Amino acid sequence: MTLTRRKALTLIGGGTVLAATGTIGGCSAITTPNTAIRPWALAGEYDDPRLNALSFALLAPNPHNLQPWQVRLEGSNGLTLMRDSTKALPETDPLDRQIFIGLGCFIEQMELAAGAAGYRTKVKLFPEGPRGPVAYAALAPGGKADPLAAQILKRGSCKEPFEDRAVPADLANQLELLADIYTDPAEVAQLRKLTIDAWMVETMTPRTMQESVDLMRMGKAEINANPDGIDLGGAYMEGLMLAGLLSREILSDPDSKGFKQGLKMYHDMLMATPAYAVITTKGNSRADQIAAGRRWLRLNLATTGMGLSLHPVSQALQEYPEMKAHYAQAHQTLATKGQTVQMLGRLGYGPATQRTPRWPLETKLIDA
């Protein structure tokens, strides 16, 4: 039964699932975009094991919530994963590196979900070459559940200030299996300055800031109608919009009060960071980027299981001219010669996060 497969993910390790129609962090149910977060409730409710695994995979983290994946079912047990080329960040991710990291997160979450349901997954990357489909996967009985799968429905990216509380050394040591963890106060202060400086470059460069503004979905109606991009919802945000204090025009104007308040809020959030997590790869091929995404997803699930919060702050890793100095500093600080820093994230104890909007699985299937 599909219910049993769903319970395999929610009950391994004794986890529980928040109701998709409830409230998180005080957000009023009246302003909750229930249509856009319904895919979280539907995950695991499919009879086809491929659809079952994909329904969890589409909940994976990805840059600016673009959800850059499309899938074609093949035969009775296969599927082909393709990148949706219309989902891109040409200003802040001109080489599509972050897009492929997001696709790596998708692949890893798909495998974890399949394993929890008793299926093993064989994945072949770029079966038709680097310009073709991203991966071909085949599912077969005999998979085993990974304990990390229990965290899939609880995972999130916490974009709030973290508590003034150190990450315990024993937890940091466990996470070192997946990433480089920085907890030393002097190193943390250096990385905090780097993330703030790089974020300011992105924010004060009109074309890169506008890319984010154009992807903002403002209020319940917009989020439900277009559940990708950056969602700005909840009772507080909706109140600001109704009062005329929050709009795309305001967020695009560095001289506006709303823009300046946004700067302060984000600055305060970045300052409230006790530790950082970094993922590097030996090279920077598409396969390396996908591998980095798979590791980031596992790191995100592992931190969730530990009660920690994780939030990507990778502006310094972006490859556009204005970021060149910070990119060089990040690599000088965080990598050895020849390595690429693929992900940089804040790590600490933060509040619960609201579920991120997602397109329904059916909209991501080709020839379905």
Protein backbone atom coordinates (compact mmCIF):
# COMPACT_ATOMS: atom_id res chain seq x y z
CA MET A 1 0.00 0.00 0.00
CA THR A 2 1.20 3.54 -0.69
CA LEU A 3 0.38 4.51 2.89
CA THR A 4 2.89 1.97 4.12
CA ARG A 5 5.59 3.39 1.85
CA ARG A 6 4.82 6.87 3.14
CA LYS A 7 5.08 5.69 6.73
CA ALA A 8 8.45 4.20 5.88
CA LEU A 9 9.73 7.74 5.42
CA THR A 10 7.87 9.39 8.28
CA LEU A 11 8.41 6.77 10.95
CA ILE A 12 12.00 5.57 10.42
CA GLY A 13 13.79 6.96 13.44
CA GLY A 14 10.52 7.90 15.16
CA GLY A 15 9.93 11.09 13.18
CA THR A 16 6.62 12.89 12.81
CA VAL A 17 5.19 15.00 10.00
CA LEU A 18 3.67 18.47 10.32
CA ALA A 19 0.29 18.84 8.65
CA ALA A 20 0.65 20.68 5.37
CA THR A 21 -2.45 22.74 6.11
CA GLY A 22 -1.34 23.78 9.59
CA THR A 23 0.76 26.72 10.73
CA ILE A 24 4.50 26.96 11.19
CA GLY A 25 6.31 29.68 13.08
CA GLY A 26 3.08 31.56 13.86
CA CYS A 27 2.02 31.97 10.23
CA SER A 28 -1.76 32.30 10.03
CA ALA A 29 -3.61 29.53 8.22
CA ILE A 30 -5.55 32.28 6.40
CA THR A 31 -2.41 33.35 4.54
CA THR A 32 -0.89 29.89 4.13
CA PRO A 33 -0.57 28.99 0.39
CA ASN A 34 -2.15 25.57 0.81
CA THR A 35 -2.22 24.80 -2.91
CA ALA A 36 1.49 25.51 -3.28
CA ILE A 37 2.53 23.37 -0.32
CA ARG A 38 0.16 20.48 -1.10
CA PRO A 39 2.96 18.46 -2.81
CA TRP A 40 4.43 17.92 0.67
CA ALA A 41 1.23 16.17 1.74
CA LEU A 42 1.04 14.15 -1.49
CA ALA A 43 4.60 12.81 -1.23
CA GLY A 44 4.52 9.02 -1.05
CA GLU A 45 0.91 8.67 -2.18
CA TYR A 46 1.65 7.07 -5.58
CA ASP A 47 1.41 3.42 -6.63
CA ASP A 48 4.23 3.56 -9.20
CA PRO A 49 7.52 3.36 -7.20
CA ARG A 50 9.13 5.86 -9.60
CA LEU A 51 6.40 8.45 -9.01
CA ASN A 52 6.57 7.69 -5.32
CA ALA A 53 10.31 8.45 -5.25
CA LEU A 54 9.92 11.50 -7.49
CA SER A 55 7.20 12.93 -5.26
CA PHE A 56 9.80 13.21 -2.51
CA ALA A 57 12.64 14.24 -4.82
CA LEU A 58 10.81 17.38 -5.94
CA LEU A 59 10.92 18.62 -2.33
CA ALA A 60 14.73 18.88 -2.51
CA PRO A 61 16.51 22.23 -2.04
CA ASN A 62 17.50 24.13 -5.18
CA PRO A 63 18.69 27.65 -6.08
CA HIS A 64 16.02 30.34 -5.72
CA ASN A 65 13.45 27.50 -5.61
CA LEU A 66 13.50 27.35 -9.42
CA GLN A 67 12.80 23.58 -9.41
CA PRO A 68 14.82 23.06 -12.63
CA TRP A 69 13.86 19.44 -13.22
CA GLN A 70 11.75 17.57 -15.75
CA VAL A 71 11.27 13.80 -15.86
CA ARG A 72 10.20 11.32 -18.51
CA LEU A 73 9.14 7.83 -17.46
CA GLU A 74 10.84 5.05 -19.44
CA GLY A 75 9.33 1.57 -19.78
CA SER A 76 8.15 -0.09 -16.60
CA ASN A 77 10.94 0.85 -14.20
CA GLY A 78 13.12 3.61 -15.70
CA LEU A 79 13.11 7.38 -15.85
CA THR A 80 15.13 10.13 -17.50
CA LEU A 81 15.93 13.33 -15.62
CA MET A 82 16.32 16.48 -17.70
CA ARG A 83 17.19 20.03 -16.85
CA ASP A 84 14.48 22.57 -17.64
CA SER A 85 16.54 25.15 -19.54
CA THR A 86 13.92 27.84 -18.91
CA LYS A 87 14.84 27.74 -15.22
CA ALA A 88 18.08 29.70 -14.95
CA LEU A 89 19.82 32.51 -13.09
CA PRO A 90 21.86 34.16 -15.87
CA GLU A 91 23.01 37.08 -13.71
CA THR A 92 24.09 35.31 -10.50
CA ASP A 93 24.69 31.80 -11.88
CA PRO A 94 25.90 32.45 -15.44
CA LEU A 95 27.63 29.06 -15.70
CA ASP A 96 24.61 27.15 -14.33
CA ARG A 97 26.78 25.63 -11.61
CA GLN A 98 24.19 26.16 -8.88
CA ILE A 99 21.45 24.75 -11.10
CA PHE A 100 23.32 21.45 -11.39
CA ILE A 101 23.97 21.39 -7.65
CA GLY A 102 20.19 21.56 -7.24
CA LEU A 103 19.78 18.66 -9.66
CA GLY A 104 22.23 16.70 -7.52
CA CYS A 105 20.02 17.33 -4.49
CA PHE A 106 17.05 16.01 -6.49
CA ILE A 107 18.88 12.80 -7.47
CA GLU A 108 20.02 12.08 -3.91
CA GLN A 109 16.57 12.64 -2.44
CA MET A 110 15.03 10.42 -5.11
CA GLU A 111 17.41 7.59 -4.19
CA LEU A 112 16.76 8.00 -0.47
CA ALA A 113 13.00 7.91 -1.00
CA ALA A 114 13.22 4.85 -3.24
CA GLY A 115 15.38 3.05 -0.69
CA ALA A 116 12.95 3.79 2.13
CA ALA A 117 10.20 2.20 0.03
CA GLY A 118 12.31 -0.93 -0.61
CA TYR A 119 13.76 -0.09 -4.04
CA ARG A 120 17.36 0.28 -5.12
CA THR A 121 18.21 2.87 -7.75
CA LYS A 122 20.87 2.64 -10.44
CA VAL A 123 21.76 6.07 -11.79
CA LYS A 124 23.83 6.86 -14.88
CA LEU A 125 24.80 10.50 -15.31
CA PHE A 126 24.67 12.16 -18.74
CA PRO A 127 23.82 8.98 -20.68
CA GLU A 128 23.86 10.90 -23.99
CA GLY A 129 26.75 13.23 -23.21
CA PRO A 130 27.05 16.53 -21.32
CA ARG A 131 24.49 18.36 -23.45
CA GLY A 132 21.83 15.68 -23.14
CA PRO A 133 19.67 14.43 -20.28
CA VAL A 134 21.14 14.82 -16.80
CA ALA A 135 20.64 11.22 -15.74
CA TYR A 136 18.93 7.92 -16.43
CA ALA A 137 17.72 5.92 -13.45
CA ALA A 138 16.21 2.47 -13.06
CA LEU A 139 14.45 1.19 -9.96
CA ALA A 140 14.39 -2.43 -8.83
CA PRO A 141 13.27 -4.19 -5.64
CA GLY A 142 15.88 -4.78 -2.97
CA GLY A 143 16.68 -1.31 -1.67
CA LYS A 144 17.44 -0.51 1.95
CA ALA A 145 16.35 2.48 3.98
CA ASP A 146 18.94 5.09 4.86
CA PRO A 147 18.19 6.72 8.25
CA LEU A 148 18.51 10.15 6.63
CA ALA A 149 15.29 9.48 4.70
CA ALA A 150 13.35 10.04 7.92
CA GLN A 151 14.25 13.74 7.74
CA ILE A 152 13.00 14.47 4.22
CA LEU A 153 9.65 15.92 5.25
CA LYS A 154 11.19 17.91 8.10
CA ARG A 155 14.07 19.45 6.14
CA GLY A 156 14.21 23.14 5.37
CA SER A 157 16.58 26.09 4.84
CA CYS A 158 16.33 28.42 7.83
CA LYS A 159 16.58 32.06 6.74
CA GLU A 160 16.33 33.43 10.27
CA PRO A 161 18.87 34.54 12.89
CA PHE A 162 20.35 31.60 14.77
CA GLU A 163 20.55 31.34 18.53
CA ASP A 164 23.63 32.59 20.36
CA ARG A 165 24.60 28.99 20.97
CA ALA A 166 27.64 27.07 19.80
CA VAL A 167 27.41 23.97 17.64
CA PRO A 168 28.62 21.13 19.92
CA ALA A 169 31.98 19.64 18.99
CA ASP A 170 30.61 16.09 18.80
CA LEU A 171 27.96 17.13 16.25
CA ALA A 172 30.49 19.13 14.24
CA ASN A 173 32.78 16.09 14.15
CA GLN A 174 29.97 13.89 12.83
CA LEU A 175 29.14 16.42 10.11
CA GLU A 176 32.78 16.49 9.01
CA LEU A 177 32.02 13.27 7.13
CA LEU A 178 29.93 15.37 4.74
CA ALA A 179 31.46 18.86 4.81
CA ASP A 180 34.15 21.05 6.31
CA ILE A 181 32.72 22.54 9.50
CA TYR A 182 34.04 25.84 10.87
CA THR A 183 33.34 26.59 14.53
CA ASP A 184 36.50 28.43 15.63
CA PRO A 185 35.42 32.00 16.58
CA ALA A 186 38.17 33.69 14.57
CA GLU A 187 37.43 31.63 11.44
CA VAL A 188 33.70 32.15 11.89
CA ALA A 189 34.20 35.91 12.13
CA GLN A 190 36.23 35.88 8.91
CA LEU A 191 33.56 33.88 7.07
CA ARG A 192 30.80 36.04 8.49
CA LYS A 193 32.47 39.12 7.03
CA LEU A 194 32.96 37.37 3.69
CA THR A 195 29.29 36.35 3.46
CA ILE A 196 28.10 39.84 4.38
CA ASP A 197 30.44 41.58 1.94
CA ALA A 198 29.50 39.21 -0.90
CA TRP A 199 25.80 39.53 -0.15
CA MET A 200 26.14 43.33 -0.30
CA VAL A 201 27.77 43.08 -3.74
CA GLU A 202 24.83 41.04 -5.02
CA THR A 203 22.29 43.33 -3.35
CA MET A 204 23.79 46.60 -4.53
CA THR A 205 24.47 45.44 -8.10
CA PRO A 206 21.20 46.39 -9.86
CA ARG A 207 21.06 43.54 -12.37
CA THR A 208 21.79 40.80 -9.81
CA MET A 209 19.36 42.23 -7.27
CA GLN A 210 16.68 42.60 -9.92
CA GLU A 211 17.04 38.92 -10.81
CA SER A 212 15.92 38.03 -7.29
CA VAL A 213 13.15 40.65 -7.23
CA ASP A 214 11.74 39.30 -10.49
CA LEU A 215 11.53 35.85 -8.91
CA MET A 216 9.65 37.02 -5.82
CA ARG A 217 6.13 35.68 -5.34
CA MET A 218 4.31 38.16 -3.13
CA GLY A 219 1.40 36.92 -1.09
CA LYS A 220 -0.73 33.79 -1.00
CA ALA A 221 -2.39 34.28 -4.41
CA GLU A 222 0.89 34.72 -6.31
CA ILE A 223 2.56 31.83 -4.49
CA ASN A 224 -0.32 29.45 -5.21
CA ALA A 225 -0.42 30.52 -8.86
CA ASN A 226 3.33 30.22 -9.41
CA PRO A 227 4.95 28.05 -6.69
CA ASP A 228 8.57 28.57 -7.67
CA GLY A 229 10.93 31.46 -7.01
CA ILE A 230 11.24 33.30 -3.70
CA ASP A 231 8.03 33.21 -1.67
CA LEU A 232 7.15 36.22 0.46
CA GLY A 233 4.05 35.20 2.37
CA GLY A 234 2.47 34.96 5.79
CA ALA A 235 0.32 37.35 7.79
CA TYR A 236 3.11 39.86 8.46
CA MET A 237 4.22 40.13 4.83
CA GLU A 238 0.64 40.29 3.54
CA GLY A 239 -0.04 43.12 6.00
CA LEU A 240 2.92 45.10 4.70
CA MET A 241 1.73 44.57 1.13
CA LEU A 242 -1.80 45.74 1.95
CA ALA A 243 -0.37 48.84 3.64
CA GLY A 244 1.70 49.64 0.56
CA LEU A 245 4.95 49.16 2.46
CA LEU A 246 6.16 46.17 0.46
CA SER A 247 6.24 45.80 -3.32
CA ARG A 248 8.64 44.87 -6.10
CA GLU A 249 9.21 48.55 -6.79
CA ILE A 250 10.18 49.19 -3.16
CA LEU A 251 12.49 46.17 -3.10
CA SER A 252 14.20 47.41 -6.27
CA ASP A 253 14.86 50.91 -4.90
CA PRO A 254 17.99 51.19 -2.69
CA ASP A 255 16.75 54.57 -1.41
CA SER A 256 13.40 53.24 -0.17
CA LYS A 257 12.69 52.62 3.49
CA GLY A 258 11.58 49.07 2.73
CA PHE A 259 14.84 48.28 0.93
CA LYS A 260 16.88 49.63 3.85
CA GLN A 261 14.83 47.67 6.36
CA GLY A 262 15.40 44.55 4.29
CA LEU A 263 19.15 45.21 4.36
CA LYS A 264 19.11 45.46 8.15
CA MET A 265 17.06 42.28 8.58
CA TYR A 266 19.33 40.22 6.33
CA HIS A 267 22.48 41.71 7.87
CA ASP A 268 21.22 40.82 11.36
CA MET A 269 20.47 37.29 10.19
CA LEU A 270 23.95 36.82 8.74
CA MET A 271 25.54 38.20 11.91
CA ALA A 272 23.68 35.64 14.02
CA THR A 273 25.75 32.69 12.77
CA PRO A 274 27.87 30.53 15.12
CA ALA A 275 29.28 28.10 12.52
CA TYR A 276 29.63 27.41 8.80
CA ALA A 277 29.56 24.34 6.58
CA VAL A 278 31.55 24.16 3.34
CA ILE A 279 31.49 21.64 0.51
CA THR A 280 34.39 21.47 -1.95
CA THR A 281 35.17 19.22 -4.89
CA LYS A 282 38.48 18.33 -6.55
CA GLY A 283 37.20 19.55 -9.90
CA ASN A 284 34.30 21.58 -11.26
CA SER A 285 32.72 19.35 -13.89
CA ARG A 286 28.99 18.84 -14.12
CA ALA A 287 29.48 15.50 -12.37
CA ASP A 288 31.37 17.29 -9.58
CA GLN A 289 28.55 19.80 -9.20
CA ILE A 290 25.95 17.04 -9.00
CA ALA A 291 28.09 15.20 -6.43
CA ALA A 292 28.27 18.42 -4.38
CA GLY A 293 24.48 18.69 -4.50
CA ARG A 294 24.10 15.12 -3.29
CA ARG A 295 26.41 15.82 -0.36
CA TRP A 296 24.62 19.09 0.46
CA LEU A 297 21.28 17.28 0.56
CA ARG A 298 22.68 14.65 2.92
CA LEU A 299 24.22 17.39 5.06
CA ASN A 300 20.87 19.21 5.21
CA LEU A 301 19.09 16.03 6.28
CA ALA A 302 21.80 15.17 8.82
CA THR A 303 21.64 18.61 10.42
CA THR A 304 17.84 18.35 10.55
CA GLY A 305 18.12 15.08 12.44
CA MET A 306 20.50 16.71 14.94
CA GLY A 307 18.13 19.61 15.57
CA LEU A 308 20.43 22.02 13.74
CA SER A 309 19.54 24.52 11.02
CA LEU A 310 21.34 25.00 7.71
CA HIS A 311 21.07 27.93 5.30
CA PRO A 312 23.09 28.35 2.06
CA VAL A 313 24.87 31.71 1.77
CA SER A 314 26.91 31.07 -1.35
CA GLN A 315 26.99 34.54 -2.91
CA ALA A 316 30.80 34.63 -2.64
CA LEU A 317 30.96 31.52 -4.84
CA GLN A 318 29.11 33.03 -7.78
CA GLU A 319 30.94 33.53 -11.07
CA TYR A 320 30.14 37.02 -12.35
CA PRO A 321 32.59 39.94 -12.66
CA GLU A 322 31.52 42.00 -9.65
CA MET A 323 32.03 38.99 -7.36
CA LYS A 324 35.54 38.15 -8.58
CA ALA A 325 37.43 39.39 -5.52
CA HIS A 326 35.15 37.60 -3.05
CA TYR A 327 35.24 34.43 -5.14
CA ALA A 328 39.03 34.49 -4.98
CA GLN A 329 38.98 35.12 -1.24
CA ALA A 330 36.55 32.25 -0.66
CA HIS A 331 38.76 29.83 -2.55
CA GLN A 332 41.92 31.08 -0.89
CA THR A 333 40.31 30.62 2.53
CA LEU A 334 38.29 27.45 2.05
CA ALA A 335 39.96 25.34 -0.63
CA THR A 336 43.29 23.87 -1.55
CA LYS A 337 44.86 24.49 -4.97
CA GLY A 338 42.68 23.13 -7.77
CA GLN A 339 39.60 22.63 -5.63
CA THR A 340 36.26 24.36 -6.19
CA VAL A 341 34.14 25.58 -3.31
CA GLN A 342 30.65 24.51 -4.31
CA MET A 343 28.55 25.38 -1.24
CA LEU A 344 28.86 27.65 1.79
CA GLY A 345 26.19 27.59 4.47
CA ARG A 346 25.31 29.01 7.87
CA LEU A 347 25.03 26.39 10.61
CA GLY A 348 23.42 26.74 14.01
CA TYR A 349 20.20 26.48 15.99
CA GLY A 350 17.27 28.25 14.36
CA PRO A 351 13.46 28.29 14.49
CA ALA A 352 11.22 25.90 12.56
CA THR A 353 10.82 26.78 8.90
CA GLN A 354 7.70 26.89 6.76
CA ARG A 355 7.46 24.41 3.93
CA THR A 356 8.63 25.76 0.59
CA PRO A 357 6.10 25.91 -2.28
CA ARG A 358 6.46 23.29 -5.01
CA TRP A 359 4.94 22.59 -8.40
CA PRO A 360 2.84 19.38 -8.40
CA LEU A 361 4.65 16.27 -9.63
CA GLU A 362 2.38 15.98 -12.64
CA THR A 363 3.57 19.35 -13.99
CA LYS A 364 7.16 18.06 -14.02
CA LEU A 365 6.44 14.93 -16.07
CA ILE A 366 7.10 14.98 -19.81
CA ASP A 367 4.86 12.97 -22.15
CA ALA A 368 2.74 12.01 -19.15
